[in-house]
Protein backbone atom coordinates (compact mmCIF):
# COMPACT_ATOMS: atom_id res chain seq x y z
CA MET A 1 -27.36 -11.04 -1.84
CA GLY A 2 -27.57 -14.72 -1.22
CA ALA A 3 -28.43 -17.55 -3.50
CA SER A 4 -32.02 -17.66 -4.87
CA PRO A 5 -34.10 -20.60 -4.41
CA LEU A 6 -35.25 -22.81 -7.27
CA THR A 7 -38.34 -25.03 -8.04
CA ASP A 8 -38.32 -28.60 -8.98
CA GLY A 9 -40.54 -30.29 -11.42
CA VAL A 10 -43.47 -30.39 -8.82
CA GLY A 11 -43.03 -26.83 -7.55
CA ARG A 12 -41.01 -27.66 -4.57
CA VAL A 13 -38.20 -25.08 -3.42
CA CYS A 14 -34.87 -26.32 -3.72
CA TRP A 15 -31.76 -24.16 -2.76
CA PRO A 16 -28.76 -24.60 -5.05
CA GLU A 17 -25.74 -26.44 -3.27
CA LYS A 18 -23.02 -24.19 -1.94
CA THR A 19 -19.87 -24.39 -4.04
CA LYS A 20 -16.96 -25.74 -2.24
CA THR A 21 -13.36 -24.32 -2.03
CA THR A 22 -11.00 -27.08 -3.15
CA LYS A 23 -7.20 -27.28 -2.48
CA GLU A 24 -6.82 -26.47 -6.15
CA ASP A 25 -8.64 -23.03 -5.87
CA VAL A 26 -6.62 -22.01 -2.87
CA THR A 27 -3.27 -22.98 -4.71
CA MET A 28 -4.37 -20.94 -7.73
CA SER A 29 -5.40 -17.94 -5.61
CA THR A 30 -2.15 -18.13 -3.74
CA SER A 31 -0.07 -18.43 -6.77
CA ALA A 32 -1.94 -15.50 -8.34
CA LYS A 33 -1.22 -13.42 -5.34
CA ILE A 34 2.80 -14.17 -5.40
CA ASP A 35 2.96 -13.42 -8.98
CA GLU A 36 1.23 -10.25 -8.43
CA LEU A 37 3.55 -9.45 -5.73
CA ILE A 38 6.78 -10.38 -7.71
CA ALA A 39 5.60 -8.47 -10.79
CA ALA A 40 5.08 -5.19 -8.73
CA SER A 41 8.29 -5.43 -6.81
CA ARG A 42 10.41 -6.00 -10.17
CA GLU A 43 8.36 -3.05 -11.59
CA LEU A 44 9.17 -1.00 -8.59
CA TYR A 45 12.81 -1.55 -9.11
CA ASP A 46 12.75 -1.13 -12.74
CA ARG A 47 11.17 2.41 -12.49
CA LYS A 48 14.01 3.26 -9.87
CA LEU A 49 11.52 3.80 -6.95
CA ILE A 50 13.59 1.66 -4.85
CA HIS A 51 17.46 0.84 -4.88
CA ALA A 52 19.67 -2.20 -3.91
CA SER A 53 18.01 -4.42 -1.03
CA GLY A 54 15.84 -1.44 0.35
CA GLY A 55 12.03 -1.43 0.64
CA ASN A 56 9.46 -4.22 1.14
CA THR A 57 6.02 -5.14 -0.45
CA SER A 58 3.28 -7.39 0.65
CA VAL A 59 0.09 -8.61 -0.29
CA ARG A 60 -3.20 -9.90 1.46
CA ASP A 61 -4.10 -13.45 0.69
CA GLY A 62 -7.38 -14.14 2.59
CA ASP A 63 -6.50 -14.44 6.39
CA VAL A 64 -2.81 -14.20 5.74
CA ILE A 65 -0.20 -11.67 4.33
CA ARG A 66 2.71 -12.69 1.84
CA ILE A 67 5.54 -10.13 2.81
CA THR A 68 9.14 -10.03 1.37
CA GLU A 69 11.78 -11.59 3.50
CA THR A 70 14.36 -9.14 5.18
CA GLY A 71 17.09 -8.07 3.01
CA ALA A 72 15.23 -9.45 -0.41
CA GLU A 73 16.07 -7.32 -3.50
CA LEU A 74 12.97 -6.39 -4.86
CA GLY A 75 14.33 -6.29 -8.40
CA LYS A 76 15.35 -10.04 -8.08
CA LEU A 77 12.52 -11.09 -6.19
CA THR A 78 11.58 -14.76 -6.19
CA PRO A 79 8.84 -17.02 -4.51
CA ALA A 80 11.71 -18.10 -2.09
CA LYS A 81 12.04 -14.73 -0.88
CA ILE A 82 8.42 -14.37 0.21
CA VAL A 83 7.22 -15.19 3.67
CA THR A 84 4.05 -16.02 4.75
CA VAL A 85 2.61 -14.37 8.06
CA ASP A 86 -0.67 -14.06 9.90
CA LEU A 87 -2.23 -10.87 10.95
CA ASP A 88 -0.39 -10.52 14.20
CA GLY A 89 2.80 -11.25 12.59
CA ASN A 90 3.37 -14.71 13.27
CA VAL A 91 5.69 -16.70 10.68
CA LEU A 92 3.53 -19.39 8.99
CA GLU A 93 5.64 -20.30 6.41
CA GLY A 94 9.14 -18.97 5.03
CA GLY A 95 12.38 -17.29 6.56
CA GLN A 96 12.46 -13.83 8.50
CA PRO A 97 10.01 -11.26 7.24
CA SER A 98 10.93 -7.77 6.69
CA LYS A 99 11.85 -5.64 9.64
CA GLU A 100 9.04 -3.11 8.56
CA MET A 101 6.43 -5.80 8.73
CA ASP A 102 4.57 -4.17 11.51
CA MET A 103 3.82 -0.99 9.32
CA HIS A 104 2.20 -3.26 6.78
CA LEU A 105 0.15 -4.87 9.34
CA ALA A 106 -0.86 -1.66 10.70
CA MET A 107 -2.08 -0.66 7.22
CA TYR A 108 -4.12 -4.06 6.62
CA LYS A 109 -5.57 -3.82 10.13
CA ALA A 110 -6.65 -0.23 9.78
CA ARG A 111 -7.90 -0.24 6.23
CA SER A 112 -10.31 -3.23 5.33
CA GLY A 113 -10.13 -2.57 1.87
CA ALA A 114 -6.26 -2.73 1.52
CA GLN A 115 -5.01 -5.69 -0.20
CA ALA A 116 -1.50 -4.70 -0.96
CA VAL A 117 1.06 -2.49 0.74
CA ILE A 118 4.33 -0.86 -0.68
CA HIS A 119 6.91 0.57 1.19
CA VAL A 120 9.83 2.14 -1.02
CA HIS A 121 12.58 4.75 -0.71
CA PRO A 122 11.75 6.98 -3.96
CA THR A 123 14.52 9.79 -4.48
CA TYR A 124 12.25 12.84 -4.64
CA SER A 125 10.07 11.77 -1.91
CA ILE A 126 12.94 11.66 0.24
CA ALA A 127 14.49 14.82 -1.22
CA LEU A 128 11.37 16.69 -0.44
CA SER A 129 10.85 15.30 3.15
CA THR A 130 14.45 16.84 3.84
CA LEU A 131 13.07 20.32 3.01
CA LEU A 132 10.17 20.15 5.30
CA GLN A 133 9.99 20.81 9.20
CA GLY A 134 8.02 18.73 11.77
CA GLU A 135 5.06 16.51 11.40
CA LEU A 136 2.64 17.70 8.59
CA ALA A 137 -0.98 16.46 7.90
CA SER A 138 -0.47 17.36 4.11
CA ALA A 139 3.24 17.40 3.32
CA VAL A 140 2.94 16.67 -0.92
CA PRO A 141 2.03 19.55 -2.50
CA PRO A 142 -1.21 18.81 -4.83
CA TYR A 143 0.42 20.11 -8.28
CA THR A 144 -1.91 17.58 -10.10
CA ALA A 145 -5.37 16.30 -10.16
CA ALA A 146 -3.98 13.15 -10.96
CA PHE A 147 -2.23 13.09 -7.53
CA TYR A 148 -5.13 14.19 -5.48
CA VAL A 149 -7.37 11.76 -6.83
CA ARG A 150 -5.14 8.87 -6.16
CA ALA A 151 -3.19 9.86 -3.21
CA GLY A 152 -5.28 12.61 -1.50
CA ARG A 153 -3.76 14.21 1.44
CA VAL A 154 -0.19 12.83 2.28
CA PRO A 155 0.95 13.42 5.73
CA MET A 156 4.67 13.27 6.94
CA ILE A 157 5.88 11.77 10.33
CA LYS A 158 9.10 12.89 11.94
CA TYR A 159 12.41 10.77 11.37
CA HIS A 160 12.44 7.36 12.86
CA PRO A 161 15.04 4.52 12.70
CA SER A 162 14.44 1.76 10.13
CA GLY A 163 12.36 -1.06 11.82
CA ALA A 164 12.26 1.12 14.95
CA HIS A 165 8.83 0.39 17.15
CA SER A 166 8.43 4.11 17.20
CA LEU A 167 8.03 4.30 13.43
CA HIS A 168 5.61 1.38 13.20
CA GLU A 169 3.54 3.31 15.92
CA ALA A 170 3.54 6.26 14.16
CA VAL A 171 2.30 4.66 10.78
CA ALA A 172 -0.49 2.71 13.10
CA GLU A 173 -1.60 6.06 14.35
CA LEU A 174 -2.22 7.60 10.69
CA ALA A 175 -3.18 4.49 8.77
CA PRO A 176 -7.16 4.67 9.62
CA ASP A 177 -7.17 8.13 8.00
CA TYR A 178 -4.56 8.11 5.15
CA HIS A 179 -3.59 5.32 2.45
CA ALA A 180 -0.44 7.30 1.67
CA ILE A 181 2.45 8.53 4.04
CA LEU A 182 5.53 10.13 3.73
CA LEU A 183 8.20 9.05 6.04
CA ARG A 184 10.92 11.83 6.64
CA GLN A 185 14.27 10.99 5.35
CA HIS A 186 12.96 7.48 4.78
CA GLY A 187 10.49 7.00 1.97
CA VAL A 188 6.81 6.25 1.54
CA ILE A 189 4.25 3.71 2.40
CA VAL A 190 1.17 3.18 0.57
CA ALA A 191 -2.00 0.98 0.92
CA GLY A 192 -4.22 0.09 -2.03
CA LYS A 193 -6.94 -2.30 -3.17
CA ASP A 194 -4.31 -4.02 -5.20
CA MET A 195 -0.78 -3.84 -6.24
CA SER A 196 -1.56 -1.72 -9.39
CA VAL A 197 -3.68 0.60 -7.38
CA ALA A 198 -0.83 1.18 -4.69
CA LEU A 199 2.18 1.39 -7.41
CA GLY A 200 0.13 4.13 -9.15
CA VAL A 201 -0.26 6.07 -5.85
CA VAL A 202 3.39 5.67 -5.35
CA GLU A 203 4.44 7.08 -8.68
CA GLU A 204 1.88 10.10 -8.43
CA VAL A 205 3.52 10.91 -4.96
CA GLU A 206 7.06 10.70 -6.33
CA GLN A 207 6.09 13.11 -9.17
CA CYS A 208 4.42 15.75 -7.16
CA CYS A 209 7.80 15.58 -5.17
CA GLU A 210 9.86 15.85 -8.14
CA ILE A 211 7.86 18.87 -9.13
CA ALA A 212 8.30 20.38 -5.36
CA VAL A 213 11.87 19.90 -5.71
CA ALA A 214 12.43 21.14 -9.16
CA THR A 215 10.31 24.37 -8.56
CA GLY A 216 11.94 24.92 -4.91
CA LEU A 217 8.34 24.56 -3.65
CA LYS A 218 7.12 27.66 -5.64
CA GLY A 219 5.13 25.94 -8.07
CA ALA A 220 1.29 26.78 -8.25
CA GLN A 221 -0.64 24.09 -6.41
CA LEU A 222 -4.40 23.24 -7.12
CA THR A 223 -6.73 25.56 -5.15
CA ASP A 224 -8.58 24.58 -1.63
CA ALA A 225 -11.76 24.87 -4.05
CA GLN A 226 -10.70 22.48 -6.61
CA LEU A 227 -9.54 20.09 -3.92
CA GLN A 228 -12.88 19.97 -2.06
CA ALA A 229 -14.49 19.48 -5.61
CA MET A 230 -12.57 16.58 -6.00
CA ASP A 231 -12.97 15.15 -2.27
CA ASP A 232 -16.67 15.84 -2.53
CA ALA A 233 -16.83 13.82 -5.85
CA LEU A 234 -15.06 10.82 -4.17
CA GLY A 235 -17.19 11.29 -0.98
CA ARG A 236 -14.16 11.42 1.42
CA THR A 237 -13.01 13.76 4.14
CA TRP A 238 -9.90 14.54 6.11
CA LYS A 239 -8.89 14.99 9.50
């Protein structure tokens, strides 16, 4: 909704002045986004969802993306290791962005509500992917309601080398329809409305992958009727 008109002392209509965005406002917004990115990245490492210098994270900050630098260790991330790029991948500030940048940009371009993207290499997610064959529309078994509500259907793409153009193309093809994707023998990529939501989806995916591996894929899954009821309640459909 737009601003509402006011009246002055003699009944004339007056529109309130627009609030101008100051340099300080922009600085505060940027600082908060970078803080969010650093905190979540370190949390991913602390929760053993990533190891060594693997994985990459990003946040959308208005018309630009703040993404981790290539080779950055998420557990030791600092502002100096964050690169600013536009939505076409042009570097605006910082060093060399992650070689997986195009996967992040594909998620942002396909999902208007995405404000954060996480790509990590969780142990059980990778383990489950090695037990599955081909490309699947629903690869992660829905053992819990918490998983299905947050992650929904999680497809799996075939193996592509890290940083390969074919990998980024495969993610871009699925991004409009799925916010969490399993990458065979590589990891997962997740988009969310903020870092907290994206991290929660990663954790739910990893937990169900762990259950799948622990039960040898023989654990009881939620029924189609139960899944449909959740989809109906959330107003979502799947391809």
